[in-house]
C-alpha atoms as a PDB file:
ATOM      1  CA  MET A   1      38.301 -16.342   0.295  1.00  0.00           C
ATOM      2  CA  LEU A   2      37.126 -14.870  -3.018  1.00  0.00           C
ATOM      3  CA  GLU A   3      35.938 -18.287  -4.168  1.00  0.00           C
ATOM      4  CA  TRP A   4      34.007 -18.814  -0.934  1.00  0.00           C
ATOM      5  CA  CYS A   5      32.396 -15.378  -1.297  1.00  0.00           C
ATOM      6  CA  ARG A   6      31.402 -16.230  -4.865  1.00  0.00           C
ATOM      7  CA  LYS A   7      29.807 -19.499  -3.733  1.00  0.00           C
ATOM      8  CA  LEU A   8      28.030 -17.728  -0.888  1.00  0.00           C
ATOM      9  CA  ARG A   9      26.663 -15.100  -3.279  1.00  0.00           C
ATOM     10  CA  VAL A  10      25.338 -17.798  -5.628  1.00  0.00           C
ATOM     11  CA  ALA A  11      23.720 -19.620  -2.705  1.00  0.00           C
ATOM     12  CA  ALA A  12      22.208 -16.399  -1.353  1.00  0.00           C
ATOM     13  CA  GLN A  13      20.771 -15.481  -4.751  1.00  0.00           C
ATOM     14  CA  ARG A  14      19.259 -18.953  -4.994  1.00  0.00           C
ATOM     15  CA  GLU A  15      17.743 -18.907  -1.504  1.00  0.00           C
ATOM     16  CA  THR A  16      16.498 -15.318  -1.180  1.00  0.00           C
ATOM     17  CA  PRO A  17      13.000 -14.651  -2.579  1.00  0.00           C
ATOM     18  CA  ASP A  18      12.325 -12.851  -5.861  1.00  0.00           C
ATOM     19  CA  ASP A  19       9.238 -10.822  -6.802  1.00  0.00           C
ATOM     20  CA  THR A  20       7.046 -13.857  -7.611  1.00  0.00           C
ATOM     21  CA  VAL A  21       5.075 -13.658  -4.351  1.00  0.00           C
ATOM     22  CA  ALA A  22       4.410  -9.929  -4.796  1.00  0.00           C
ATOM     23  CA  ARG A  23       3.357 -10.390  -8.423  1.00  0.00           C
ATOM     24  CA  LYS A  24       0.870 -13.141  -7.484  1.00  0.00           C
ATOM     25  CA  HIS A  25      -0.460 -11.125  -4.536  1.00  0.00           C
ATOM     26  CA  LEU A  26      -1.048  -8.008  -6.654  1.00  0.00           C
ATOM     27  CA  THR A  27      -2.625  -9.947  -9.509  1.00  0.00           C
ATOM     28  CA  ALA A  28      -5.002 -11.638  -7.043  1.00  0.00           C
ATOM     29  CA  ILE A  29      -6.085  -8.241  -5.659  1.00  0.00           C
ATOM     30  CA  TYR A  30      -6.624  -6.914  -9.187  1.00  0.00           C
ATOM     31  CA  SER A  31      -8.732  -9.964 -10.070  1.00  0.00           C
ATOM     32  CA  ARG A  32     -10.819  -9.645  -6.914  1.00  0.00           C
ATOM     33  CA  LEU A  33     -11.496  -5.915  -7.324  1.00  0.00           C
ATOM     34  CA  VAL A  34     -11.706  -5.512 -11.098  1.00  0.00           C
ATOM     35  CA  ILE A  35     -12.371  -8.862 -12.778  1.00  0.00           C
ATOM     36  CA  ASP A  36     -14.728 -10.209 -10.091  1.00  0.00           C
ATOM     37  CA  GLY A  37     -16.281  -6.809  -9.297  1.00  0.00           C
ATOM     38  CA  GLY A  38     -15.092  -6.627  -5.695  1.00  0.00           C
ATOM     39  CA  ALA A  39     -14.521  -2.874  -5.985  1.00  0.00           C
ATOM     40  CA  LEU A  40     -18.276  -2.392  -6.395  1.00  0.00           C
ATOM     41  CA  ARG A  41     -19.049  -4.318  -3.204  1.00  0.00           C
ATOM     42  CA  ASP A  42     -17.073  -1.716  -1.245  1.00  0.00           C
ATOM     43  CA  GLN A  43     -19.205   1.123  -2.664  1.00  0.00           C
ATOM     44  CA  PRO A  44     -22.481   2.571  -1.311  1.00  0.00           C
ATOM     45  CA  PRO A  45     -25.779   1.901  -3.171  1.00  0.00           C
ATOM     46  CA  ASP A  46     -25.654   5.323  -4.866  1.00  0.00           C
ATOM     47  CA  GLY A  47     -22.116   4.659  -6.086  1.00  0.00           C
ATOM     48  CA  PRO A  48     -20.687   3.359  -9.375  1.00  0.00           C
ATOM     49  CA  LYS A  49     -22.098   0.582 -11.531  1.00  0.00           C
ATOM     50  CA  LYS A  50     -20.457  -2.318 -13.356  1.00  0.00           C
ATOM     51  CA  ILE A  51     -20.272  -0.336 -16.601  1.00  0.00           C
ATOM     52  CA  THR A  52     -17.952   2.173 -14.894  1.00  0.00           C
ATOM     53  CA  VAL A  53     -15.581  -0.606 -13.858  1.00  0.00           C
ATOM     54  CA  GLU A  54     -15.527  -1.917 -17.442  1.00  0.00           C
ATOM     55  CA  LYS A  55     -14.748   1.552 -18.783  1.00  0.00           C
ATOM     56  CA  LEU A  56     -11.894   2.031 -16.335  1.00  0.00           C
ATOM     57  CA  LYS A  57     -10.265  -1.373 -16.829  1.00  0.00           C
ATOM     58  CA  PRO A  58      -7.364   0.053 -18.928  1.00  0.00           C
ATOM     59  CA  GLU A  59      -6.550   2.533 -16.136  1.00  0.00           C
ATOM     60  CA  PHE A  60      -6.780  -0.184 -13.501  1.00  0.00           C
ATOM     61  CA  ARG A  61      -4.454  -2.388 -15.545  1.00  0.00           C
ATOM     62  CA  LYS A  62      -1.898   0.442 -15.732  1.00  0.00           C
ATOM     63  CA  GLU A  63      -2.081   0.778 -11.957  1.00  0.00           C
ATOM     64  CA  LEU A  64      -1.489  -2.962 -11.538  1.00  0.00           C
ATOM     65  CA  ASP A  65       1.568  -2.769 -13.816  1.00  0.00           C
ATOM     66  CA  ARG A  66       2.879   0.216 -11.839  1.00  0.00           C
ATOM     67  CA  ARG A  67       2.578  -1.656  -8.554  1.00  0.00           C
ATOM     68  CA  ILE A  68       4.224  -4.807  -9.933  1.00  0.00           C
ATOM     69  CA  PHE A  69       7.108  -2.690 -11.265  1.00  0.00           C
ATOM     70  CA  ALA A  70       7.500  -0.851  -7.937  1.00  0.00           C
ATOM     71  CA  SER A  71       7.405  -4.125  -5.990  1.00  0.00           C
ATOM     72  CA  ALA A  72      10.009  -5.759  -8.228  1.00  0.00           C
ATOM     73  CA  ASN A  73      12.366  -2.799  -7.834  1.00  0.00           C
ATOM     74  CA  LEU A  74      11.970  -2.663  -4.047  1.00  0.00           C
ATOM     75  CA  ILE A  75      12.428  -6.415  -3.640  1.00  0.00           C
ATOM     76  CA  LYS A  76      15.473  -6.393  -5.939  1.00  0.00           C
ATOM     77  CA  LEU A  77      17.034  -3.537  -3.949  1.00  0.00           C
ATOM     78  CA  ASN A  78      16.338  -5.208  -0.591  1.00  0.00           C
ATOM     79  CA  ARG A  79      17.614  -8.528  -1.950  1.00  0.00           C
ATOM     80  CA  GLU A  80      20.899  -7.025  -3.128  1.00  0.00           C
ATOM     81  CA  GLN A  81      21.393  -5.215   0.184  1.00  0.00           C
ATOM     82  CA  ALA A  82      20.676  -8.400   2.166  1.00  0.00           C
ATOM     83  CA  ILE A  83      23.143 -10.424   0.069  1.00  0.00           C
ATOM     84  CA  GLU A  84      25.888  -7.807   0.439  1.00  0.00           C
ATOM     85  CA  LYS A  85      25.300  -7.657   4.187  1.00  0.00           C
ATOM     86  CA  THR A  86      25.554 -11.460   4.425  1.00  0.00           C
ATOM     87  CA  ILE A  87      28.807 -11.530   2.443  1.00  0.00           C
ATOM     88  CA  GLN A  88      30.300  -8.728   4.541  1.00  0.00           C
ATOM     89  CA  ARG A  89      29.394 -10.641   7.692  1.00  0.00           C
ATOM     90  CA  PHE A  90      31.024 -13.773   6.246  1.00  0.00           C
ATOM     91  CA  GLN A  91      34.191 -11.867   5.293  1.00  0.00           C
ATOM     92  CA  GLY A  92      34.409 -10.413   8.782  1.00  0.00           C
ATOM     93  CA  TRP A  93      34.027 -13.864  10.284  1.00  0.00           C
ATOM     94  CA  VAL A  94      36.701 -15.408   7.995  1.00  0.00           C
ATOM     95  CA  THR A  95      39.279 -12.727   8.768  1.00  0.00           C
ATOM     96  CA  SER A  96      38.722 -13.211  12.509  1.00  0.00           C
ATOM     97  CA  ILE A  97      39.308 -16.999  12.520  1.00  0.00           C
ATOM     98  CA  PRO A  98      42.105 -17.828  15.006  1.00  0.00           C
ATOM     99  CA  PRO A  99      45.212 -19.812  13.884  1.00  0.00           C
ATOM    100  CA  ASP A 100      43.921 -23.027  15.501  1.00  0.00           C
ATOM    101  CA  GLY A 101      40.769 -22.973  13.359  1.00  0.00           C
ATOM    102  CA  VAL A 102      37.099 -22.585  14.160  1.00  0.00           C
ATOM    103  CA  SER A 103      34.854 -24.599  16.456  1.00  0.00           C
ATOM    104  CA  GLU A 104      31.691 -26.422  15.461  1.00  0.00           C
ATOM    105  CA  ILE A 105      29.728 -23.943  17.587  1.00  0.00           C
ATOM    106  CA  ASP A 106      31.081 -21.032  15.514  1.00  0.00           C
ATOM    107  CA  ARG A 107      30.156 -22.825  12.298  1.00  0.00           C
ATOM    108  CA  ARG A 108      26.611 -23.349  13.515  1.00  0.00           C
ATOM    109  CA  GLU A 109      26.346 -19.674  14.473  1.00  0.00           C
ATOM    110  CA  VAL A 110      27.463 -18.580  11.000  1.00  0.00           C
ATOM    111  CA  LYS A 111      24.994 -20.963   9.348  1.00  0.00           C
ATOM    112  CA  SER A 112      22.235 -19.733  11.640  1.00  0.00           C
ATOM    113  CA  GLY A 113      23.089 -16.125  10.749  1.00  0.00           C
ATOM    114  CA  PHE A 114      22.826 -16.897   7.036  1.00  0.00           C
ATOM    115  CA  GLN A 115      19.453 -18.612   7.507  1.00  0.00           C
ATOM    116  CA  LYS A 116      18.195 -15.616   9.494  1.00  0.00           C
ATOM    117  CA  SER A 117      19.184 -13.264   6.649  1.00  0.00           C
ATOM    118  CA  VAL A 118      17.125 -15.354   4.214  1.00  0.00           C
ATOM    119  CA  LYS A 119      14.117 -15.385   6.577  1.00  0.00           C
ATOM    120  CA  ASP A 120      14.389 -11.619   7.108  1.00  0.00           C
ATOM    121  CA  MET A 121      14.431 -11.095   3.358  1.00  0.00           C
ATOM    122  CA  ASP A 122      11.358 -13.285   2.944  1.00  0.00           C
ATOM    123  CA  PHE A 123       9.540 -11.248   5.619  1.00  0.00           C
ATOM    124  CA  ILE A 124      10.515  -7.944   3.959  1.00  0.00           C
ATOM    125  CA  SER A 125       9.389  -9.202   0.535  1.00  0.00           C
ATOM    126  CA  ARG A 126       5.999 -10.163   1.937  1.00  0.00           C
ATOM    127  CA  ARG A 127       5.643  -6.754   3.590  1.00  0.00           C
ATOM    128  CA  VAL A 128       6.457  -5.083   0.267  1.00  0.00           C
ATOM    129  CA  ALA A 129       3.769  -7.209  -1.411  1.00  0.00           C
ATOM    130  CA  ILE A 130       1.182  -6.311   1.246  1.00  0.00           C
ATOM    131  CA  ASP A 131       2.043  -2.598   1.111  1.00  0.00           C
ATOM    132  CA  GLN A 132       1.917  -2.416  -2.683  1.00  0.00           C
ATOM    133  CA  GLY A 133      -1.294  -4.439  -2.614  1.00  0.00           C
ATOM    134  CA  HIS A 134      -2.966  -1.879  -0.370  1.00  0.00           C
ATOM    135  CA  LYS A 135      -1.730   0.928  -2.629  1.00  0.00           C
ATOM    136  CA  LEU A 136      -3.220  -0.866  -5.628  1.00  0.00           C
ATOM    137  CA  ALA A 137      -6.574  -1.364  -3.883  1.00  0.00           C
ATOM    138  CA  SER A 138      -6.647   2.253  -2.649  1.00  0.00           C
ATOM    139  CA  ASN A 139      -5.922   3.678  -6.092  1.00  0.00           C
ATOM    140  CA  VAL A 140      -8.461   1.436  -7.829  1.00  0.00           C
ATOM    141  CA  LYS A 141     -11.147   2.567  -5.375  1.00  0.00           C
ATOM    142  CA  TYR A 142     -10.090   6.214  -5.689  1.00  0.00           C
ATOM    143  CA  LEU A 143     -10.224   6.170  -9.502  1.00  0.00           C
ATOM    144  CA  LEU A 144     -13.595   4.445  -9.378  1.00  0.00           C
ATOM    145  CA  ALA A 145     -14.970   6.994  -6.900  1.00  0.00           C
ATOM    146  CA  VAL A 146     -13.764  10.056  -8.826  1.00  0.00           C
ATOM    147  CA  GLN A 147     -14.988   8.761 -12.189  1.00  0.00           C
ATOM    148  CA  SER A 148     -18.367   7.922 -10.646  1.00  0.00           C
ATOM    149  CA  GLY A 149     -19.028  11.419  -9.332  1.00  0.00           C
ATOM    150  CA  ALA A 150     -17.932  11.214  -5.696  1.00  0.00           C
ATOM    151  CA  ILE A 151     -17.944  14.590  -3.977  1.00  0.00           C
ATOM    152  CA  ALA A 152     -15.954  13.732  -0.847  1.00  0.00           C
ATOM    153  CA  LEU A 153     -13.958  11.022   0.914  1.00  0.00           C
ATOM    154  CA  ARG A 154     -14.242  10.016   4.557  1.00  0.00           C
ATOM    155  CA  TRP A 155     -10.893   9.015   6.088  1.00  0.00           C
ATOM    156  CA  HIS A 156     -10.799   5.765   8.028  1.00  0.00           C
ATOM    157  CA  SER A 157      -7.723   4.987  10.138  1.00  0.00           C
ATOM    158  CA  ASN A 158      -6.993   1.517  11.483  1.00  0.00           C
ATOM    159  CA  TRP A 159      -5.384   2.920  14.633  1.00  0.00           C
ATOM    160  CA  ARG A 160      -7.668   0.725  16.782  1.00  0.00           C
ATOM    161  CA  ARG A 161      -6.254  -2.458  15.240  1.00  0.00           C
ATOM    162  CA  PRO A 162      -3.989  -4.254  17.751  1.00  0.00           C
ATOM    163  CA  GLY A 163      -0.324  -4.076  16.788  1.00  0.00           C
ATOM    164  CA  TYR A 164      -0.835  -1.581  13.950  1.00  0.00           C
ATOM    165  CA  LYS A 165       1.864   1.102  13.947  1.00  0.00           C
ATOM    166  CA  TYR A 166      -0.315   4.000  12.943  1.00  0.00           C
ATOM    167  CA  ARG A 167       0.848   7.523  12.166  1.00  0.00           C
ATOM    168  CA  GLN A 168      -0.438  10.095  14.641  1.00  0.00           C
ATOM    169  CA  ASP A 169      -1.589  12.498  11.920  1.00  0.00           C
ATOM    170  CA  HIS A 170      -3.497   9.663  10.230  1.00  0.00           C
ATOM    171  CA  LYS A 171      -5.232   8.844  13.513  1.00  0.00           C
ATOM    172  CA  GLU A 172      -6.214  12.512  13.822  1.00  0.00           C
ATOM    173  CA  ARG A 173      -7.798  12.340  10.343  1.00  0.00           C
ATOM    174  CA  ASP A 174     -10.007   9.402  11.362  1.00  0.00           C
ATOM    175  CA  GLU A 175     -13.641   9.948  10.243  1.00  0.00           C
ATOM    176  CA  LYS A 176     -12.868  13.433   8.914  1.00  0.00           C
ATOM    177  CA  ILE A 177     -14.371  14.260   5.532  1.00  0.00           C
ATOM    178  CA  TYR A 178     -12.290  15.819   2.760  1.00  0.00           C
ATOM    179  CA  LEU A 179     -13.931  17.270  -0.335  1.00  0.00           C
ATOM    180  CA  LEU A 180     -12.890  16.316  -3.846  1.00  0.00           C
ATOM    181  CA  ARG A 181     -11.949  19.353  -5.856  1.00  0.00           C
ATOM    182  CA  ASP A 182     -14.013  20.199  -8.974  1.00  0.00           C
ATOM    183  CA  SER A 183     -16.931  17.963  -7.988  1.00  0.00           C
ATOM    184  CA  TRP A 184     -20.351  18.829  -9.375  1.00  0.00           C
ATOM    185  CA  ALA A 185     -21.701  19.690  -5.901  1.00  0.00           C
ATOM    186  CA  LEU A 186     -18.836  22.094  -5.285  1.00  0.00           C
ATOM    187  CA  GLU A 187     -19.257  23.734  -8.691  1.00  0.00           C
ATOM    188  CA  GLN A 188     -22.969  24.236  -7.994  1.00  0.00           C
ATOM    189  CA  GLY A 189     -22.159  25.917  -4.691  1.00  0.00           C
ATOM    190  CA  LEU A 190     -23.956  23.316  -2.582  1.00  0.00           C
ATOM    191  CA  ILE A 191     -21.052  22.296  -0.348  1.00  0.00           C
ATOM    192  CA  LYS A 192     -17.976  23.819   1.261  1.00  0.00           C
ATOM    193  CA  PRO A 193     -14.812  22.344   2.797  1.00  0.00           C
ATOM    194  CA  VAL A 194     -14.548  21.978   6.566  1.00  0.00           C
ATOM    195  CA  TYR A 195     -11.292  20.011   6.812  1.00  0.00           C
ATOM    196  CA  GLY A 196      -9.997  20.963   3.373  1.00  0.00           C
ATOM    197  CA  PHE A 197      -9.590  19.016   0.153  1.00  0.00           C
ATOM    198  CA  TYR A 198      -8.355  15.468  -0.304  1.00  0.00           C
ATOM    199  CA  ASP A 199      -5.542  16.570  -2.619  1.00  0.00           C
ATOM    200  CA  GLU A 200      -4.087  18.672   0.211  1.00  0.00           C
ATOM    201  CA  ILE A 201      -3.149  15.604   2.272  1.00  0.00           C
ATOM    202  CA  THR A 202      -1.296  12.373   1.561  1.00  0.00           C
ATOM    203  CA  ALA A 203      -3.748   9.870   0.104  1.00  0.00           C
ATOM    204  CA  ALA A 204      -4.836   6.706   1.904  1.00  0.00           C
ATOM    205  CA  GLY A 205      -2.199   4.030   1.344  1.00  0.00           C
ATOM    206  CA  GLU A 206       0.252   6.515  -0.179  1.00  0.00           C
ATOM    207  CA  GLU A 207       2.814   6.437   2.628  1.00  0.00           C
ATOM    208  CA  VAL A 208       4.836   3.316   3.377  1.00  0.00           C
ATOM    209  CA  TYR A 209       2.827   0.622   5.219  1.00  0.00           C
ATOM    210  CA  CYS A 210      -0.214   2.887   5.540  1.00  0.00           C
ATOM    211  CA  SER A 211      -3.397   0.789   5.572  1.00  0.00           C
ATOM    212  CA  CYS A 212      -5.908   3.616   5.964  1.00  0.00           C
ATOM    213  CA  ASP A 213      -8.962   3.817   3.698  1.00  0.00           C
ATOM    214  CA  ALA A 214     -10.830   6.692   2.054  1.00  0.00           C
ATOM    215  CA  LEU A 215     -14.552   5.949   1.780  1.00  0.00           C
ATOM    216  CA  PRO A 216     -16.461   7.831  -0.957  1.00  0.00           C
ATOM    217  CA  ILE A 217     -19.526  10.017  -0.476  1.00  0.00           C
ATOM    218  CA  TYR A 218     -21.649  10.729  -3.561  1.00  0.00           C
ATOM    219  CA  ALA A 219     -24.570  12.838  -2.334  1.00  0.00           C
ATOM    220  CA  PRO A 220     -24.541  16.176  -0.464  1.00  0.00           C
ATOM    221  CA  GLN A 221     -27.434  14.848   1.634  1.00  0.00           C
ATOM    222  CA  LYS A 222     -24.991  12.372   3.196  1.00  0.00           C
ATOM    223  CA  LEU A 223     -22.756  15.178   4.500  1.00  0.00           C
ATOM    224  CA  PRO A 224     -23.125  16.774   7.959  1.00  0.00           C
ATOM    225  CA  ASP A 225     -24.778  20.215   8.055  1.00  0.00           C
ATOM    226  CA  GLU A 226     -21.510  22.108   8.421  1.00  0.00           C
ATOM    227  CA  PHE A 227     -20.477  21.021   4.917  1.00  0.00           C
ATOM    228  CA  LEU A 228     -23.551  22.561   3.280  1.00  0.00           C
ATOM    229  CA  THR A 229     -23.602  26.150   2.067  1.00  0.00           C
ATOM    230  CA  GLU A 230     -26.710  28.264   2.606  1.00  0.00           C
ATOM    231  CA  LYS A 231     -27.767  27.270  -0.901  1.00  0.00           C
ATOM    232  CA  GLY A 232     -27.146  23.623  -0.058  1.00  0.00           C
ATOM    233  CA  LYS A 233     -29.198  23.829   3.133  1.00  0.00           C
ATOM    234  CA  ARG A 234     -32.131  25.329   1.245  1.00  0.00           C
ATOM    235  CA  GLU A 235     -31.788  22.705  -1.487  1.00  0.00           C
ATOM    236  CA  PHE A 236     -31.913  19.817   0.985  1.00  0.00           C
ATOM    237  CA  ASN A 237     -34.275  21.365   3.548  1.00  0.00           C
ATOM    238  CA  ARG A 238     -31.595  21.753   6.201  1.00  0.00           C
ATOM    239  CA  ALA A 239     -32.129  25.485   6.749  1.00  0.00           C
END
């Protein structure tokens, strides 16, 4: 049985996916946002310029490398667990074979079970790639917003999307505005927090399979009245 388990392990390692798909997916997102300037298209007119993207390229590259590393580790872990589970299932099946042998139906069931394990692993690997891709995009946009003088971020939840398994607390954050700490508008006493600061909550895309977005706001004039201090209201004729 040891020899059969060895052969099964070799076959499983050959058939189960590696991190190639995730690496290509992440690199494509990086190219779209950073190389092709896609990150700027997601910004408002008063947001960052191309020169800011160029300046931040080293930081963006580090973030890409981080996400590729995280994806590779997750896929490797899931791959090893899937292979071990398949071998354990095979061992259990072998030890339960009756003295008169096994039927063709049983053989087909075992083969089908092995194929399902491979398909499940492929699905999980693609989900890892998608999740890490959203984390990469979220962090690129966050770095770009902060370095370009954003003063707040508006949370956008995809809870309306059919089939999306949203988190209830993320749905409750939908369209709420969170200030960025140490922004110029805050330091000048023009704005005040209503729902708190962004660093007090989990960031968009931070939690597993979260596909929420945080949309930057650069000017106090774009904030609702309740975010303006008395000084801010006088400054922008809201008093």
